Amino acid sequence: MNKLVTLSVKCPHCDHTLMDEEHLIHERPSIRINIVTKKDRGILWLCSVYGCYDHNSNLEIENGELVEFFCPHCNKSLLRDIECKICGAPMVGMNIKAGGKVNVCSRKGCENHYVVFEDLAGAINKFYHELGTSG
């Protein structure tokens, strides 16, 4: 049986959770992030299941558009000085509560994302045994 791994993430600046228990995607808490597009400011909710690209927003975002991401608590930018290896856009970084970091592309429609662990053995153990849920 495949395990769906739900990531619980927090801001790399203020350490506050980015999880939104009230806005569910696939019956799981979403990741809430403030965004700025070329036209407006709003909110983006990302699916917290690793590998799922589903999301909701209160804004219309054009395919291919670069989006700025900010913590909804400290309002600091979540953009990292790392370029997407697929499209060249800045990557968005969040810390995983169980350890490690997740990076996602800031371009609407690019599906590049990856997880980085500092203590690989310990993080993988937590990642699969504590965060994974059957589904």
C-alpha atoms as a PDB file:
ATOM      1  CA  MET A   1       0.000   0.000   0.000  1.00  0.00           C
ATOM      2  CA  ASN A   2       1.312   3.462  -0.889  1.00  0.00           C
ATOM      3  CA  LYS A   3       1.811   5.959   1.899  1.00  0.00           C
ATOM      4  CA  LEU A   4       0.806   9.570   1.444  1.00  0.00           C
ATOM      5  CA  VAL A   5       3.240  11.813   3.263  1.00  0.00           C
ATOM      6  CA  THR A   6       1.789  15.022   4.656  1.00  0.00           C
ATOM      7  CA  LEU A   7       4.375  17.717   5.224  1.00  0.00           C
ATOM      8  CA  SER A   8       3.930  20.029   8.189  1.00  0.00           C
ATOM      9  CA  VAL A   9       5.922  23.179   7.476  1.00  0.00           C
ATOM     10  CA  LYS A  10       6.894  26.381   9.228  1.00  0.00           C
ATOM     11  CA  CYS A  11       8.435  29.737   8.344  1.00  0.00           C
ATOM     12  CA  PRO A  12      12.251  29.696   8.123  1.00  0.00           C
ATOM     13  CA  HIS A  13      12.329  33.207   9.676  1.00  0.00           C
ATOM     14  CA  CYS A  14       9.846  33.295  12.593  1.00  0.00           C
ATOM     15  CA  ASP A  15       9.421  29.508  13.052  1.00  0.00           C
ATOM     16  CA  HIS A  16       5.607  29.889  13.084  1.00  0.00           C
ATOM     17  CA  THR A  17       3.531  27.127  11.518  1.00  0.00           C
ATOM     18  CA  LEU A  18       2.247  27.690   7.975  1.00  0.00           C
ATOM     19  CA  MET A  19      -0.392  24.987   8.379  1.00  0.00           C
ATOM     20  CA  ASP A  20      -4.039  26.022   8.033  1.00  0.00           C
ATOM     21  CA  GLU A  21      -6.275  23.571   9.900  1.00  0.00           C
ATOM     22  CA  GLU A  22      -9.421  25.359   8.673  1.00  0.00           C
ATOM     23  CA  HIS A  23      -8.661  25.260   4.933  1.00  0.00           C
ATOM     24  CA  LEU A  24      -8.392  21.589   4.004  1.00  0.00           C
ATOM     25  CA  ILE A  25      -7.197  20.161   0.693  1.00  0.00           C
ATOM     26  CA  HIS A  26      -7.815  16.413   0.284  1.00  0.00           C
ATOM     27  CA  GLU A  27      -9.038  16.304   3.898  1.00  0.00           C
ATOM     28  CA  ARG A  28      -5.682  17.491   5.225  1.00  0.00           C
ATOM     29  CA  PRO A  29      -4.563  20.907   6.542  1.00  0.00           C
ATOM     30  CA  SER A  30      -3.223  23.114   3.752  1.00  0.00           C
ATOM     31  CA  ILE A  31      -0.117  25.296   3.718  1.00  0.00           C
ATOM     32  CA  ARG A  32      -1.180  28.967   3.863  1.00  0.00           C
ATOM     33  CA  ILE A  33       1.087  31.560   2.275  1.00  0.00           C
ATOM     34  CA  ASN A  34       0.557  35.223   1.434  1.00  0.00           C
ATOM     35  CA  ILE A  35       1.311  35.963  -2.219  1.00  0.00           C
ATOM     36  CA  VAL A  36       1.875  38.926  -4.520  1.00  0.00           C
ATOM     37  CA  THR A  37       1.201  38.609  -8.244  1.00  0.00           C
ATOM     38  CA  LYS A  38       1.787  41.206 -10.936  1.00  0.00           C
ATOM     39  CA  LYS A  39      -1.797  42.423 -10.380  1.00  0.00           C
ATOM     40  CA  ASP A  40      -2.724  41.904  -6.725  1.00  0.00           C
ATOM     41  CA  ARG A  41      -2.061  40.529  -3.223  1.00  0.00           C
ATOM     42  CA  GLY A  42      -3.789  37.479  -1.832  1.00  0.00           C
ATOM     43  CA  ILE A  43      -3.550  34.054  -0.234  1.00  0.00           C
ATOM     44  CA  LEU A  44      -2.393  30.731  -1.653  1.00  0.00           C
ATOM     45  CA  TRP A  45      -3.217  27.407  -0.018  1.00  0.00           C
ATOM     46  CA  LEU A  46      -0.958  24.524  -1.095  1.00  0.00           C
ATOM     47  CA  CYS A  47      -1.763  20.858  -0.663  1.00  0.00           C
ATOM     48  CA  SER A  48       0.401  19.489   2.158  1.00  0.00           C
ATOM     49  CA  VAL A  49       0.680  16.008   0.603  1.00  0.00           C
ATOM     50  CA  TYR A  50       4.163  15.662  -0.861  1.00  0.00           C
ATOM     51  CA  GLY A  51       3.966  15.298  -4.638  1.00  0.00           C
ATOM     52  CA  CYS A  52       0.447  16.760  -4.915  1.00  0.00           C
ATOM     53  CA  TYR A  53       0.239  20.004  -6.906  1.00  0.00           C
ATOM     54  CA  ASP A  54      -3.344  20.930  -5.994  1.00  0.00           C
ATOM     55  CA  HIS A  55      -3.871  24.382  -4.544  1.00  0.00           C
ATOM     56  CA  ASN A  56      -6.457  27.105  -3.987  1.00  0.00           C
ATOM     57  CA  SER A  57      -6.141  30.871  -4.098  1.00  0.00           C
ATOM     58  CA  ASN A  58      -8.347  33.905  -3.695  1.00  0.00           C
ATOM     59  CA  LEU A  59      -6.582  35.363  -6.778  1.00  0.00           C
ATOM     60  CA  GLU A  60      -6.443  34.413 -10.422  1.00  0.00           C
ATOM     61  CA  ILE A  61      -2.833  33.503 -11.255  1.00  0.00           C
ATOM     62  CA  GLU A  62      -1.810  33.210 -14.895  1.00  0.00           C
ATOM     63  CA  ASN A  63       0.034  30.075 -15.986  1.00  0.00           C
ATOM     64  CA  GLY A  64       3.771  30.840 -16.163  1.00  0.00           C
ATOM     65  CA  GLU A  65       3.504  33.882 -13.868  1.00  0.00           C
ATOM     66  CA  LEU A  66       6.159  34.427 -11.193  1.00  0.00           C
ATOM     67  CA  VAL A  67       4.622  34.790  -7.741  1.00  0.00           C
ATOM     68  CA  GLU A  68       6.180  36.271  -4.615  1.00  0.00           C
ATOM     69  CA  PHE A  69       5.622  34.281  -1.397  1.00  0.00           C
ATOM     70  CA  PHE A  70       5.510  35.706   2.141  1.00  0.00           C
ATOM     71  CA  CYS A  71       4.969  34.309   5.626  1.00  0.00           C
ATOM     72  CA  PRO A  72       1.455  35.237   6.842  1.00  0.00           C
ATOM     73  CA  HIS A  73       2.862  35.843  10.349  1.00  0.00           C
ATOM     74  CA  CYS A  74       6.126  37.818   9.970  1.00  0.00           C
ATOM     75  CA  ASN A  75       5.552  38.889   6.332  1.00  0.00           C
ATOM     76  CA  LYS A  76       9.156  38.032   5.362  1.00  0.00           C
ATOM     77  CA  SER A  77       9.837  36.703   1.896  1.00  0.00           C
ATOM     78  CA  LEU A  78      10.012  32.926   1.502  1.00  0.00           C
ATOM     79  CA  LEU A  79      11.985  33.211  -1.754  1.00  0.00           C
ATOM     80  CA  ARG A  80      15.442  31.653  -1.546  1.00  0.00           C
ATOM     81  CA  ASP A  81      18.599  32.466  -3.491  1.00  0.00           C
ATOM     82  CA  ILE A  82      18.152  29.190  -5.355  1.00  0.00           C
ATOM     83  CA  GLU A  83      17.030  29.016  -8.975  1.00  0.00           C
ATOM     84  CA  CYS A  84      14.647  26.379 -10.280  1.00  0.00           C
ATOM     85  CA  LYS A  85      16.641  23.926 -12.378  1.00  0.00           C
ATOM     86  CA  ILE A  86      13.670  23.554 -14.752  1.00  0.00           C
ATOM     87  CA  CYS A  87      12.539  27.140 -15.453  1.00  0.00           C
ATOM     88  CA  GLY A  88      15.054  29.452 -13.712  1.00  0.00           C
ATOM     89  CA  ALA A  89      12.517  31.056 -11.328  1.00  0.00           C
ATOM     90  CA  PRO A  90      13.384  31.613  -7.647  1.00  0.00           C
ATOM     91  CA  MET A  91      12.597  28.716  -5.340  1.00  0.00           C
ATOM     92  CA  VAL A  92      10.331  29.149  -2.300  1.00  0.00           C
ATOM     93  CA  GLY A  93      11.662  27.626   0.922  1.00  0.00           C
ATOM     94  CA  MET A  94       9.893  26.355   4.018  1.00  0.00           C
ATOM     95  CA  ASN A  95      11.207  24.351   6.944  1.00  0.00           C
ATOM     96  CA  ILE A  96       9.713  20.942   7.690  1.00  0.00           C
ATOM     97  CA  LYS A  97       8.712  20.595  11.352  1.00  0.00           C
ATOM     98  CA  ALA A  98      10.219  17.093  11.514  1.00  0.00           C
ATOM     99  CA  GLY A  99      13.547  18.418  10.167  1.00  0.00           C
ATOM    100  CA  GLY A 100      14.759  19.424   6.744  1.00  0.00           C
ATOM    101  CA  LYS A 101      13.500  21.872   4.147  1.00  0.00           C
ATOM    102  CA  VAL A 102      11.111  21.776   1.218  1.00  0.00           C
ATOM    103  CA  ASN A 103      11.629  23.978  -1.834  1.00  0.00           C
ATOM    104  CA  VAL A 104       8.977  24.658  -4.474  1.00  0.00           C
ATOM    105  CA  CYS A 105       9.166  26.699  -7.655  1.00  0.00           C
ATOM    106  CA  SER A 106       7.613  30.188  -7.584  1.00  0.00           C
ATOM    107  CA  ARG A 107       6.389  29.977 -11.202  1.00  0.00           C
ATOM    108  CA  LYS A 108       2.716  29.017 -11.648  1.00  0.00           C
ATOM    109  CA  GLY A 109       2.596  25.715 -13.526  1.00  0.00           C
ATOM    110  CA  CYS A 110       6.185  24.578 -12.847  1.00  0.00           C
ATOM    111  CA  GLU A 111       6.062  21.413 -10.754  1.00  0.00           C
ATOM    112  CA  ASN A 112       9.680  21.444  -9.570  1.00  0.00           C
ATOM    113  CA  HIS A 113       9.969  20.767  -5.839  1.00  0.00           C
ATOM    114  CA  TYR A 114      12.299  18.848  -3.574  1.00  0.00           C
ATOM    115  CA  VAL A 115      13.081  18.067   0.050  1.00  0.00           C
ATOM    116  CA  VAL A 116      16.506  18.478   1.647  1.00  0.00           C
ATOM    117  CA  PHE A 117      17.480  16.804   4.935  1.00  0.00           C
ATOM    118  CA  GLU A 118      20.454  17.661   7.150  1.00  0.00           C
ATOM    119  CA  ASP A 119      20.295  14.386   9.127  1.00  0.00           C
ATOM    120  CA  LEU A 120      19.146  12.085   6.350  1.00  0.00           C
ATOM    121  CA  ALA A 121      18.754   8.860   8.349  1.00  0.00           C
ATOM    122  CA  GLY A 122      16.844  10.465  11.218  1.00  0.00           C
ATOM    123  CA  ALA A 123      14.695  12.619   8.959  1.00  0.00           C
ATOM    124  CA  ILE A 124      13.721   9.752   6.659  1.00  0.00           C
ATOM    125  CA  ASN A 125      12.712   7.688   9.679  1.00  0.00           C
ATOM    126  CA  LYS A 126      10.467  10.505  10.941  1.00  0.00           C
ATOM    127  CA  PHE A 127       9.316  11.354   7.420  1.00  0.00           C
ATOM    128  CA  TYR A 128       7.956   7.867   6.729  1.00  0.00           C
ATOM    129  CA  HIS A 129       6.977   6.600  10.169  1.00  0.00           C
ATOM    130  CA  GLU A 130       5.622   9.695  11.888  1.00  0.00           C
ATOM    131  CA  LEU A 131       4.403  11.854   8.999  1.00  0.00           C
ATOM    132  CA  GLY A 132       3.239   9.164   6.595  1.00  0.00           C
ATOM    133  CA  THR A 133      -0.380   8.104   6.621  1.00  0.00           C
ATOM    134  CA  SER A 134      -1.932   5.263   4.756  1.00  0.00           C
ATOM    135  CA  GLY A 135      -4.026   6.292   1.846  1.00  0.00           C
END
